[in-house]
Amino acid sequence: MNYTRILIAVLIMAVVTYLPRMLPLAIFKKKIKSRFIRSFLAYVPYAVLAAMTFPEILYSTSNMLSAAAGLLVALILSYFGRGLLTVALSSTAAVFVVEQILTYMGK
């Protein structure tokens, strides 16, 4: 193992992780008064999380149909305000049931 290379990689990752957190504090010293910018910044974490998670949901199983079933169950339950544990367990159960049905049917 090349420890110098590992330490350089960790240092670069630390800088890249730290800069996006530190720069807004250094640049924006006053409170942001624009409603548009404040609402934009409030929704950015949710948008980034959705953009990273959504493609993985569709390709997480061997069959796109079972993944779509789990996604549909999760969307419906979360729309009706169910808790995170209920949504996660129900969507997992939906994927399991659809996978079992497809296996039984021979697809």
PDB file of N, CA and C in Angstrom:
ATOM      1  N   MET A   1       0.823  -1.189   0.000  1.00  0.00           N
ATOM      2  CA  MET A   1       0.000   0.000   0.000  1.00  0.00           C
ATOM      3  C   MET A   1       0.863   1.246   0.000  1.00  0.00           C
ATOM      4  N   ASN A   2       0.404   2.201  -0.733  1.00  0.00           N
ATOM      5  CA  ASN A   2       1.091   3.470  -0.798  1.00  0.00           C
ATOM      6  C   ASN A   2       0.365   4.448   0.128  1.00  0.00           C
ATOM      7  N   TYR A   3       0.888   4.629   1.357  1.00  0.00           N
ATOM      8  CA  TYR A   3       0.230   5.455   2.353  1.00  0.00           C
ATOM      9  C   TYR A   3       0.209   6.923   1.959  1.00  0.00           C
ATOM     10  N   THR A   4       1.191   7.377   1.230  1.00  0.00           N
ATOM     11  CA  THR A   4       1.202   8.768   0.787  1.00  0.00           C
ATOM     12  C   THR A   4       0.015   9.036  -0.137  1.00  0.00           C
ATOM     13  N   ARG A   5      -0.222   8.125  -1.042  1.00  0.00           N
ATOM     14  CA  ARG A   5      -1.345   8.287  -1.971  1.00  0.00           C
ATOM     15  C   ARG A   5      -2.684   8.250  -1.226  1.00  0.00           C
ATOM     16  N   ILE A   6      -2.806   7.375  -0.247  1.00  0.00           N
ATOM     17  CA  ILE A   6      -4.041   7.293   0.535  1.00  0.00           C
ATOM     18  C   ILE A   6      -4.260   8.582   1.323  1.00  0.00           C
ATOM     19  N   LEU A   7      -3.223   9.100   1.945  1.00  0.00           N
ATOM     20  CA  LEU A   7      -3.350  10.342   2.707  1.00  0.00           C
ATOM     21  C   LEU A   7      -3.699  11.520   1.813  1.00  0.00           C
ATOM     22  N   ILE A   8      -3.132  11.575   0.620  1.00  0.00           N
ATOM     23  CA  ILE A   8      -3.462  12.646  -0.328  1.00  0.00           C
ATOM     24  C   ILE A   8      -4.925  12.537  -0.751  1.00  0.00           C
ATOM     25  N   ALA A   9      -5.389  11.327  -0.999  1.00  0.00           N
ATOM     26  CA  ALA A   9      -6.783  11.127  -1.387  1.00  0.00           C
ATOM     27  C   ALA A   9      -7.730  11.552  -0.268  1.00  0.00           C
ATOM     28  N   VAL A  10      -7.404  11.193   0.977  1.00  0.00           N
ATOM     29  CA  VAL A  10      -8.236  11.585   2.115  1.00  0.00           C
ATOM     30  C   VAL A  10      -8.228  13.100   2.283  1.00  0.00           C
ATOM     31  N   LEU A  11      -7.095  13.733   2.097  1.00  0.00           N
ATOM     32  CA  LEU A  11      -7.004  15.185   2.197  1.00  0.00           C
ATOM     33  C   LEU A  11      -7.848  15.867   1.123  1.00  0.00           C
ATOM     34  N   ILE A  12      -7.766  15.380  -0.091  1.00  0.00           N
ATOM     35  CA  ILE A  12      -8.567  15.956  -1.177  1.00  0.00           C
ATOM     36  C   ILE A  12     -10.057  15.790  -0.890  1.00  0.00           C
ATOM     37  N   MET A  13     -10.457  14.608  -0.419  1.00  0.00           N
ATOM     38  CA  MET A  13     -11.868  14.387  -0.091  1.00  0.00           C
ATOM     39  C   MET A  13     -12.317  15.289   1.046  1.00  0.00           C
ATOM     40  N   ALA A  14     -11.456  15.521   2.018  1.00  0.00           N
ATOM     41  CA  ALA A  14     -11.806  16.400   3.131  1.00  0.00           C
ATOM     42  C   ALA A  14     -12.013  17.838   2.652  1.00  0.00           C
ATOM     43  N   VAL A  15     -11.130  18.301   1.776  1.00  0.00           N
ATOM     44  CA  VAL A  15     -11.257  19.663   1.244  1.00  0.00           C
ATOM     45  C   VAL A  15     -12.523  19.791   0.404  1.00  0.00           C
ATOM     46  N   VAL A  16     -12.780  18.811  -0.447  1.00  0.00           N
ATOM     47  CA  VAL A  16     -13.957  18.860  -1.315  1.00  0.00           C
ATOM     48  C   VAL A  16     -15.244  18.800  -0.484  1.00  0.00           C
ATOM     49  N   THR A  17     -15.217  18.087   0.611  1.00  0.00           N
ATOM     50  CA  THR A  17     -16.396  18.014   1.479  1.00  0.00           C
ATOM     51  C   THR A  17     -16.554  19.281   2.312  1.00  0.00           C
ATOM     52  N   TYR A  18     -15.462  19.855   2.739  1.00  0.00           N
ATOM     53  CA  TYR A  18     -15.502  21.010   3.629  1.00  0.00           C
ATOM     54  C   TYR A  18     -15.858  22.299   2.878  1.00  0.00           C
ATOM     55  N   LEU A  19     -15.366  22.466   1.667  1.00  0.00           N
ATOM     56  CA  LEU A  19     -15.592  23.718   0.928  1.00  0.00           C
ATOM     57  C   LEU A  19     -17.071  24.061   0.727  1.00  0.00           C
ATOM     58  N   PRO A  20     -17.912  23.139   0.268  1.00  0.00           N
ATOM     59  CA  PRO A  20     -19.324  23.522   0.098  1.00  0.00           C
ATOM     60  C   PRO A  20     -20.018  23.894   1.407  1.00  0.00           C
ATOM     61  N   ARG A  21     -19.506  23.429   2.520  1.00  0.00           N
ATOM     62  CA  ARG A  21     -20.107  23.785   3.802  1.00  0.00           C
ATOM     63  C   ARG A  21     -19.580  25.107   4.331  1.00  0.00           C
ATOM     64  N   MET A  22     -18.333  25.408   4.046  1.00  0.00           N
ATOM     65  CA  MET A  22     -17.698  26.594   4.581  1.00  0.00           C
ATOM     66  C   MET A  22     -17.943  27.833   3.723  1.00  0.00           C
ATOM     67  N   LEU A  23     -17.959  27.671   2.403  1.00  0.00           N
ATOM     68  CA  LEU A  23     -18.077  28.830   1.525  1.00  0.00           C
ATOM     69  C   LEU A  23     -19.351  29.649   1.732  1.00  0.00           C
ATOM     70  N   PRO A  24     -20.526  29.049   1.862  1.00  0.00           N
ATOM     71  CA  PRO A  24     -21.705  29.888   2.099  1.00  0.00           C
ATOM     72  C   PRO A  24     -21.599  30.712   3.381  1.00  0.00           C
ATOM     73  N   LEU A  25     -20.994  30.156   4.402  1.00  0.00           N
ATOM     74  CA  LEU A  25     -20.833  30.915   5.643  1.00  0.00           C
ATOM     75  C   LEU A  25     -19.865  32.083   5.453  1.00  0.00           C
ATOM     76  N   ALA A  26     -18.858  31.881   4.633  1.00  0.00           N
ATOM     77  CA  ALA A  26     -17.877  32.941   4.399  1.00  0.00           C
ATOM     78  C   ALA A  26     -18.405  34.008   3.440  1.00  0.00           C
ATOM     79  N   ILE A  27     -19.221  33.598   2.474  1.00  0.00           N
ATOM     80  CA  ILE A  27     -19.704  34.543   1.461  1.00  0.00           C
ATOM     81  C   ILE A  27     -20.920  35.324   1.954  1.00  0.00           C
ATOM     82  N   PHE A  28     -21.887  34.625   2.537  1.00  0.00           N
ATOM     83  CA  PHE A  28     -23.139  35.260   2.962  1.00  0.00           C
ATOM     84  C   PHE A  28     -23.092  35.535   4.462  1.00  0.00           C
ATOM     85  N   LYS A  29     -22.595  36.715   4.816  1.00  0.00           N
ATOM     86  CA  LYS A  29     -22.492  37.059   6.229  1.00  0.00           C
ATOM     87  C   LYS A  29     -23.806  37.601   6.770  1.00  0.00           C
ATOM     88  N   LYS A  30     -24.619  38.183   5.897  1.00  0.00           N
ATOM     89  CA  LYS A  30     -25.919  38.701   6.324  1.00  0.00           C
ATOM     90  C   LYS A  30     -26.983  37.630   6.111  1.00  0.00           C
ATOM     91  N   LYS A  31     -28.099  37.823   6.768  1.00  0.00           N
ATOM     92  CA  LYS A  31     -29.212  36.906   6.573  1.00  0.00           C
ATOM     93  C   LYS A  31     -29.782  37.108   5.173  1.00  0.00           C
ATOM     94  N   ILE A  32     -30.083  36.010   4.496  1.00  0.00           N
ATOM     95  CA  ILE A  32     -30.643  36.077   3.145  1.00  0.00           C
ATOM     96  C   ILE A  32     -32.103  36.492   3.263  1.00  0.00           C
ATOM     97  N   LYS A  33     -32.470  37.589   2.598  1.00  0.00           N
ATOM     98  CA  LYS A  33     -33.823  38.119   2.724  1.00  0.00           C
ATOM     99  C   LYS A  33     -34.727  37.735   1.561  1.00  0.00           C
ATOM    100  N   SER A  34     -34.161  37.299   0.463  1.00  0.00           N
ATOM    101  CA  SER A  34     -34.952  36.928  -0.706  1.00  0.00           C
ATOM    102  C   SER A  34     -35.730  35.639  -0.415  1.00  0.00           C
ATOM    103  N   ARG A  35     -37.048  35.705  -0.556  1.00  0.00           N
ATOM    104  CA  ARG A  35     -37.874  34.520  -0.318  1.00  0.00           C
ATOM    105  C   ARG A  35     -37.564  33.421  -1.321  1.00  0.00           C
ATOM    106  N   PHE A  36     -37.284  33.808  -2.556  1.00  0.00           N
ATOM    107  CA  PHE A  36     -36.983  32.830  -3.595  1.00  0.00           C
ATOM    108  C   PHE A  36     -35.714  32.050  -3.259  1.00  0.00           C
ATOM    109  N   ILE A  37     -34.649  32.756  -2.922  1.00  0.00           N
ATOM    110  CA  ILE A  37     -33.380  32.094  -2.628  1.00  0.00           C
ATOM    111  C   ILE A  37     -33.495  31.242  -1.361  1.00  0.00           C
ATOM    112  N   ARG A  38     -34.188  31.752  -0.344  1.00  0.00           N
ATOM    113  CA  ARG A  38     -34.355  30.973   0.892  1.00  0.00           C
ATOM    114  C   ARG A  38     -35.147  29.696   0.639  1.00  0.00           C
ATOM    115  N   SER A  39     -36.218  29.791  -0.146  1.00  0.00           N
ATOM    116  CA  SER A  39     -36.996  28.579  -0.428  1.00  0.00           C
ATOM    117  C   SER A  39     -36.200  27.635  -1.323  1.00  0.00           C
ATOM    118  N   PHE A  40     -35.436  28.184  -2.265  1.00  0.00           N
ATOM    119  CA  PHE A  40     -34.581  27.365  -3.119  1.00  0.00           C
ATOM    120  C   PHE A  40     -33.581  26.588  -2.279  1.00  0.00           C
ATOM    121  N   LEU A  41     -32.915  27.257  -1.368  1.00  0.00           N
ATOM    122  CA  LEU A  41     -31.924  26.608  -0.519  1.00  0.00           C
ATOM    123  C   LEU A  41     -32.559  25.613   0.448  1.00  0.00           C
ATOM    124  N   ALA A  42     -33.804  25.853   0.813  1.00  0.00           N
ATOM    125  CA  ALA A  42     -34.478  24.922   1.719  1.00  0.00           C
ATOM    126  C   ALA A  42     -34.796  23.601   1.029  1.00  0.00           C
ATOM    127  N   TYR A  43     -35.077  23.647  -0.291  1.00  0.00           N
ATOM    128  CA  TYR A  43     -35.459  22.430  -1.004  1.00  0.00           C
ATOM    129  C   TYR A  43     -34.305  21.723  -1.692  1.00  0.00           C
ATOM    130  N   VAL A  44     -33.129  22.308  -1.739  1.00  0.00           N
ATOM    131  CA  VAL A  44     -31.982  21.688  -2.406  1.00  0.00           C
ATOM    132  C   VAL A  44     -31.624  20.328  -1.809  1.00  0.00           C
ATOM    133  N   PRO A  45     -31.554  20.160  -0.488  1.00  0.00           N
ATOM    134  CA  PRO A  45     -31.198  18.821   0.033  1.00  0.00           C
ATOM    135  C   PRO A  45     -32.187  17.733  -0.392  1.00  0.00           C
ATOM    136  N   TYR A  46     -33.481  18.056  -0.413  1.00  0.00           N
ATOM    137  CA  TYR A  46     -34.476  17.068  -0.826  1.00  0.00           C
ATOM    138  C   TYR A  46     -34.335  16.722  -2.305  1.00  0.00           C
ATOM    139  N   ALA A  47     -34.064  17.710  -3.113  1.00  0.00           N
ATOM    140  CA  ALA A  47     -33.911  17.474  -4.553  1.00  0.00           C
ATOM    141  C   ALA A  47     -32.675  16.627  -4.840  1.00  0.00           C
ATOM    142  N   VAL A  48     -31.594  16.908  -4.148  1.00  0.00           N
ATOM    143  CA  VAL A  48     -30.364  16.132  -4.351  1.00  0.00           C
ATOM    144  C   VAL A  48     -30.560  14.692  -3.888  1.00  0.00           C
ATOM    145  N   LEU A  49     -31.211  14.511  -2.746  1.00  0.00           N
ATOM    146  CA  LEU A  49     -31.476  13.165  -2.252  1.00  0.00           C
ATOM    147  C   LEU A  49     -32.361  12.389  -3.220  1.00  0.00           C
ATOM    148  N   ALA A  50     -33.383  13.041  -3.747  1.00  0.00           N
ATOM    149  CA  ALA A  50     -34.267  12.372  -4.709  1.00  0.00           C
ATOM    150  C   ALA A  50     -33.512  12.027  -5.989  1.00  0.00           C
ATOM    151  N   ALA A  51     -32.667  12.918  -6.464  1.00  0.00           N
ATOM    152  CA  ALA A  51     -31.917  12.665  -7.694  1.00  0.00           C
ATOM    153  C   ALA A  51     -30.927  11.518  -7.530  1.00  0.00           C
ATOM    154  N   MET A  52     -30.383  11.356  -6.334  1.00  0.00           N
ATOM    155  CA  MET A  52     -29.444  10.260  -6.105  1.00  0.00           C
ATOM    156  C   MET A  52     -30.170   8.943  -5.854  1.00  0.00           C
ATOM    157  N   THR A  53     -31.346   8.994  -5.260  1.00  0.00           N
ATOM    158  CA  THR A  53     -32.049   7.783  -4.851  1.00  0.00           C
ATOM    159  C   THR A  53     -32.916   7.187  -5.956  1.00  0.00           C
ATOM    160  N   PHE A  54     -33.591   8.018  -6.721  1.00  0.00           N
ATOM    161  CA  PHE A  54     -34.588   7.542  -7.676  1.00  0.00           C
ATOM    162  C   PHE A  54     -34.042   6.536  -8.693  1.00  0.00           C
ATOM    163  N   PRO A  55     -32.910   6.789  -9.348  1.00  0.00           N
ATOM    164  CA  PRO A  55     -32.420   5.786 -10.306  1.00  0.00           C
ATOM    165  C   PRO A  55     -32.091   4.447  -9.642  1.00  0.00           C
ATOM    166  N   GLU A  56     -31.588   4.503  -8.420  1.00  0.00           N
ATOM    167  CA  GLU A  56     -31.239   3.264  -7.726  1.00  0.00           C
ATOM    168  C   GLU A  56     -32.486   2.459  -7.372  1.00  0.00           C
ATOM    169  N   ILE A  57     -33.586   3.134  -7.127  1.00  0.00           N
ATOM    170  CA  ILE A  57     -34.836   2.430  -6.823  1.00  0.00           C
ATOM    171  C   ILE A  57     -35.250   1.573  -8.010  1.00  0.00           C
ATOM    172  N   LEU A  58     -35.159   2.122  -9.189  1.00  0.00           N
ATOM    173  CA  LEU A  58     -35.633   1.401 -10.375  1.00  0.00           C
ATOM    174  C   LEU A  58     -34.741   0.231 -10.766  1.00  0.00           C
ATOM    175  N   TYR A  59     -33.476   0.283 -10.403  1.00  0.00           N
ATOM    176  CA  TYR A  59     -32.555  -0.785 -10.793  1.00  0.00           C
ATOM    177  C   TYR A  59     -32.078  -1.611  -9.598  1.00  0.00           C
ATOM    178  N   SER A  60     -32.800  -1.559  -8.489  1.00  0.00           N
ATOM    179  CA  SER A  60     -32.364  -2.258  -7.286  1.00  0.00           C
ATOM    180  C   SER A  60     -32.725  -3.738  -7.289  1.00  0.00           C
ATOM    181  N   THR A  61     -33.665  -4.132  -8.119  1.00  0.00           N
ATOM    182  CA  THR A  61     -34.052  -5.542  -8.193  1.00  0.00           C
ATOM    183  C   THR A  61     -33.713  -6.076  -9.574  1.00  0.00           C
ATOM    184  N   SER A  62     -33.881  -7.377  -9.731  1.00  0.00           N
ATOM    185  CA  SER A  62     -33.582  -7.986 -11.024  1.00  0.00           C
ATOM    186  C   SER A  62     -34.678  -7.714 -12.042  1.00  0.00           C
ATOM    187  N   ASN A  63     -35.817  -7.260 -11.572  1.00  0.00           N
ATOM    188  CA  ASN A  63     -36.950  -7.022 -12.461  1.00  0.00           C
ATOM    189  C   ASN A  63     -37.488  -5.618 -12.214  1.00  0.00           C
ATOM    190  N   MET A  64     -37.617  -4.834 -13.265  1.00  0.00           N
ATOM    191  CA  MET A  64     -38.086  -3.460 -13.128  1.00  0.00           C
ATOM    192  C   MET A  64     -39.540  -3.407 -12.659  1.00  0.00           C
ATOM    193  N   LEU A  65     -40.317  -4.438 -12.953  1.00  0.00           N
ATOM    194  CA  LEU A  65     -41.723  -4.464 -12.543  1.00  0.00           C
ATOM    195  C   LEU A  65     -41.847  -4.509 -11.021  1.00  0.00           C
ATOM    196  N   SER A  66     -41.046  -5.313 -10.356  1.00  0.00           N
ATOM    197  CA  SER A  66     -41.109  -5.372  -8.893  1.00  0.00           C
ATOM    198  C   SER A  66     -40.592  -4.075  -8.266  1.00  0.00           C
ATOM    199  N   ALA A  67     -39.587  -3.474  -8.877  1.00  0.00           N
ATOM    200  CA  ALA A  67     -39.085  -2.192  -8.375  1.00  0.00           C
ATOM    201  C   ALA A  67     -40.144  -1.112  -8.529  1.00  0.00           C
ATOM    202  N   ALA A  68     -40.862  -1.121  -9.650  1.00  0.00           N
ATOM    203  CA  ALA A  68     -41.931  -0.148  -9.861  1.00  0.00           C
ATOM    204  C   ALA A  68     -43.075  -0.361  -8.872  1.00  0.00           C
ATOM    205  N   ALA A  69     -43.358  -1.606  -8.537  1.00  0.00           N
ATOM    206  CA  ALA A  69     -44.404  -1.889  -7.543  1.00  0.00           C
ATOM    207  C   ALA A  69     -44.012  -1.339  -6.184  1.00  0.00           C
ATOM    208  N   GLY A  70     -42.780  -1.542  -5.784  1.00  0.00           N
ATOM    209  CA  GLY A  70     -42.301  -1.001  -4.512  1.00  0.00           C
ATOM    210  C   GLY A  70     -42.317   0.511  -4.497  1.00  0.00           C
ATOM    211  N   LEU A  71     -41.922   1.119  -5.611  1.00  0.00           N
ATOM    212  CA  LEU A  71     -41.948   2.572  -5.721  1.00  0.00           C
ATOM    213  C   LEU A  71     -43.374   3.098  -5.618  1.00  0.00           C
ATOM    214  N   LEU A  72     -44.300   2.441  -6.291  1.00  0.00           N
ATOM    215  CA  LEU A  72     -45.697   2.874  -6.267  1.00  0.00           C
ATOM    216  C   LEU A  72     -46.273   2.783  -4.855  1.00  0.00           C
ATOM    217  N   VAL A  73     -46.009   1.686  -4.172  1.00  0.00           N
ATOM    218  CA  VAL A  73     -46.497   1.535  -2.795  1.00  0.00           C
ATOM    219  C   VAL A  73     -45.890   2.613  -1.899  1.00  0.00           C
ATOM    220  N   ALA A  74     -44.599   2.873  -2.056  1.00  0.00           N
ATOM    221  CA  ALA A  74     -43.940   3.901  -1.243  1.00  0.00           C
ATOM    222  C   ALA A  74     -44.525   5.283  -1.521  1.00  0.00           C
ATOM    223  N   LEU A  75     -44.774   5.596  -2.778  1.00  0.00           N
ATOM    224  CA  LEU A  75     -45.343   6.902  -3.117  1.00  0.00           C
ATOM    225  C   LEU A  75     -46.747   7.064  -2.554  1.00  0.00           C
ATOM    226  N   ILE A  76     -47.567   6.039  -2.677  1.00  0.00           N
ATOM    227  CA  ILE A  76     -48.947   6.120  -2.181  1.00  0.00           C
ATOM    228  C   ILE A  76     -48.971   6.271  -0.661  1.00  0.00           C
ATOM    229  N   LEU A  77     -48.198   5.447   0.033  1.00  0.00           N
ATOM    230  CA  LEU A  77     -48.198   5.527   1.492  1.00  0.00           C
ATOM    231  C   LEU A  77     -47.612   6.837   2.006  1.00  0.00           C
ATOM    232  N   SER A  78     -46.565   7.306   1.363  1.00  0.00           N
ATOM    233  CA  SER A  78     -45.988   8.577   1.813  1.00  0.00           C
ATOM    234  C   SER A  78     -46.906   9.750   1.485  1.00  0.00           C
ATOM    235  N   TYR A  79     -47.658   9.656   0.397  1.00  0.00           N
ATOM    236  CA  TYR A  79     -48.625  10.708   0.064  1.00  0.00           C
ATOM    237  C   TYR A  79     -49.688  10.824   1.155  1.00  0.00           C
ATOM    238  N   PHE A  80     -50.086   9.690   1.709  1.00  0.00           N
ATOM    239  CA  PHE A  80     -51.093   9.694   2.756  1.00  0.00           C
ATOM    240  C   PHE A  80     -50.506   9.885   4.156  1.00  0.00           C
ATOM    241  N   GLY A  81     -49.249  10.236   4.229  1.00  0.00           N
ATOM    242  CA  GLY A  81     -48.629  10.643   5.484  1.00  0.00           C
ATOM    243  C   GLY A  81     -48.217   9.522   6.412  1.00  0.00           C
ATOM    244  N   ARG A  82     -47.986   8.356   5.897  1.00  0.00           N
ATOM    245  CA  ARG A  82     -47.535   7.247   6.749  1.00  0.00           C
ATOM    246  C   ARG A  82     -46.085   7.479   7.162  1.00  0.00           C
ATOM    247  N   GLY A  83     -45.683   6.824   8.220  1.00  0.00           N
ATOM    248  CA  GLY A  83     -44.329   6.986   8.743  1.00  0.00           C
ATOM    249  C   GLY A  83     -43.287   6.283   7.885  1.00  0.00           C
ATOM    250  N   LEU A  84     -42.029   6.619   8.134  1.00  0.00           N
ATOM    251  CA  LEU A  84     -40.926   6.082   7.351  1.00  0.00           C
ATOM    252  C   LEU A  84     -40.829   4.564   7.465  1.00  0.00           C
ATOM    253  N   LEU A  85     -40.984   4.033   8.674  1.00  0.00           N
ATOM    254  CA  LEU A  85     -40.890   2.593   8.862  1.00  0.00           C
ATOM    255  C   LEU A  85     -42.012   1.867   8.131  1.00  0.00           C
ATOM    256  N   THR A  86     -43.213   2.398   8.192  1.00  0.00           N
ATOM    257  CA  THR A  86     -44.354   1.793   7.491  1.00  0.00           C
ATOM    258  C   THR A  86     -44.136   1.801   5.989  1.00  0.00           C
ATOM    259  N   VAL A  87     -43.668   2.913   5.468  1.00  0.00           N
ATOM    260  CA  VAL A  87     -43.422   3.029   4.023  1.00  0.00           C
ATOM    261  C   VAL A  87     -42.322   2.064   3.596  1.00  0.00           C
ATOM    262  N   ALA A  88     -41.236   2.017   4.338  1.00  0.00           N
ATOM    263  CA  ALA A  88     -40.111   1.150   3.970  1.00  0.00           C
ATOM    264  C   ALA A  88     -40.495  -0.322   4.021  1.00  0.00           C
ATOM    265  N   LEU A  89     -41.158  -0.733   5.096  1.00  0.00           N
ATOM    266  CA  LEU A  89     -41.543  -2.143   5.214  1.00  0.00           C
ATOM    267  C   LEU A  89     -42.594  -2.538   4.181  1.00  0.00           C
ATOM    268  N   SER A  90     -43.547  -1.661   3.928  1.00  0.00           N
ATOM    269  CA  SER A  90     -44.604  -1.973   2.962  1.00  0.00           C
ATOM    270  C   SER A  90     -44.058  -2.050   1.540  1.00  0.00           C
ATOM    271  N   SER A  91     -43.182  -1.135   1.174  1.00  0.00           N
ATOM    272  CA  SER A  91     -42.625  -1.180  -0.175  1.00  0.00           C
ATOM    273  C   SER A  91     -41.714  -2.394  -0.352  1.00  0.00           C
ATOM    274  N   THR A  92     -40.981  -2.759   0.704  1.00  0.00           N
ATOM    275  CA  THR A  92     -40.161  -3.970   0.647  1.00  0.00           C
ATOM    276  C   THR A  92     -41.039  -5.207   0.501  1.00  0.00           C
ATOM    277  N   ALA A  93     -42.144  -5.240   1.235  1.00  0.00           N
ATOM    278  CA  ALA A  93     -43.079  -6.363   1.127  1.00  0.00           C
ATOM    279  C   ALA A  93     -43.688  -6.425  -0.270  1.00  0.00           C
ATOM    280  N   ALA A  94     -44.006  -5.282  -0.848  1.00  0.00           N
ATOM    281  CA  ALA A  94     -44.571  -5.262  -2.197  1.00  0.00           C
ATOM    282  C   ALA A  94     -43.574  -5.816  -3.212  1.00  0.00           C
ATOM    283  N   VAL A  95     -42.314  -5.431  -3.083  1.00  0.00           N
ATOM    284  CA  VAL A  95     -41.285  -5.960  -3.978  1.00  0.00           C
ATOM    285  C   VAL A  95     -41.163  -7.469  -3.809  1.00  0.00           C
ATOM    286  N   PHE A  96     -41.162  -7.936  -2.568  1.00  0.00           N
ATOM    287  CA  PHE A  96     -41.052  -9.367  -2.298  1.00  0.00           C
ATOM    288  C   PHE A  96     -42.222 -10.140  -2.910  1.00  0.00           C
ATOM    289  N   VAL A  97     -43.430  -9.640  -2.731  1.00  0.00           N
ATOM    290  CA  VAL A  97     -44.616 -10.328  -3.255  1.00  0.00           C
ATOM    291  C   VAL A  97     -44.584 -10.376  -4.774  1.00  0.00           C
ATOM    292  N   VAL A  98     -44.245  -9.253  -5.402  1.00  0.00           N
ATOM    293  CA  VAL A  98     -44.200  -9.228  -6.874  1.00  0.00           C
ATOM    294  C   VAL A  98     -43.102 -10.154  -7.387  1.00  0.00           C
ATOM    295  N   GLU A  99     -41.951 -10.173  -6.718  1.00  0.00           N
ATOM    296  CA  GLU A  99     -40.878 -11.092  -7.121  1.00  0.00           C
ATOM    297  C   GLU A  99     -41.325 -12.544  -7.000  1.00  0.00           C
ATOM    298  N   GLN A 100     -42.045 -12.869  -5.938  1.00  0.00           N
ATOM    299  CA  GLN A 100     -42.537 -14.237  -5.754  1.00  0.00           C
ATOM    300  C   GLN A 100     -43.562 -14.603  -6.824  1.00  0.00           C
ATOM    301  N   ILE A 101     -44.453 -13.687  -7.159  1.00  0.00           N
ATOM    302  CA  ILE A 101     -45.439 -13.927  -8.198  1.00  0.00           C
ATOM    303  C   ILE A 101     -44.757 -14.146  -9.548  1.00  0.00           C
ATOM    304  N   LEU A 102     -43.778 -13.300  -9.857  1.00  0.00           N
ATOM    305  CA  LEU A 102     -43.076 -13.435 -11.133  1.00  0.00           C
ATOM    306  C   LEU A 102     -42.262 -14.731 -11.196  1.00  0.00           C
ATOM    307  N   THR A 103     -41.690 -15.136 -10.065  1.00  0.00           N
ATOM    308  CA  THR A 103     -40.959 -16.403 -10.029  1.00  0.00           C
ATOM    309  C   THR A 103     -41.919 -17.567 -10.212  1.00  0.00           C
ATOM    310  N   TYR A 104     -43.070 -17.506  -9.574  1.00  0.00           N
ATOM    311  CA  TYR A 104     -44.066 -18.575  -9.692  1.00  0.00           C
ATOM    312  C   TYR A 104     -44.590 -18.678 -11.125  1.00  0.00           C
ATOM    313  N   MET A 105     -44.723 -17.520 -11.793  1.00  0.00           N
ATOM    314  CA  MET A 105     -45.214 -17.516 -13.168  1.00  0.00           C
ATOM    315  C   MET A 105     -44.132 -17.912 -14.160  1.00  0.00           C
ATOM    316  N   GLY A 106     -42.886 -17.947 -13.717  1.00  0.00           N
ATOM    317  CA  GLY A 106     -41.798 -18.381 -14.581  1.00  0.00           C
ATOM    318  C   GLY A 106     -41.169 -17.287 -15.403  1.00  0.00           C
ATOM    319  N   LYS A 107     -41.304 -16.059 -15.004  1.00  0.00           N
ATOM    320  CA  LYS A 107     -40.711 -14.956 -15.775  1.00  0.00           C
ATOM    321  C   LYS A 107     -39.397 -14.556 -15.212  1.00  0.00           C
TER     322      LYS A 107
END
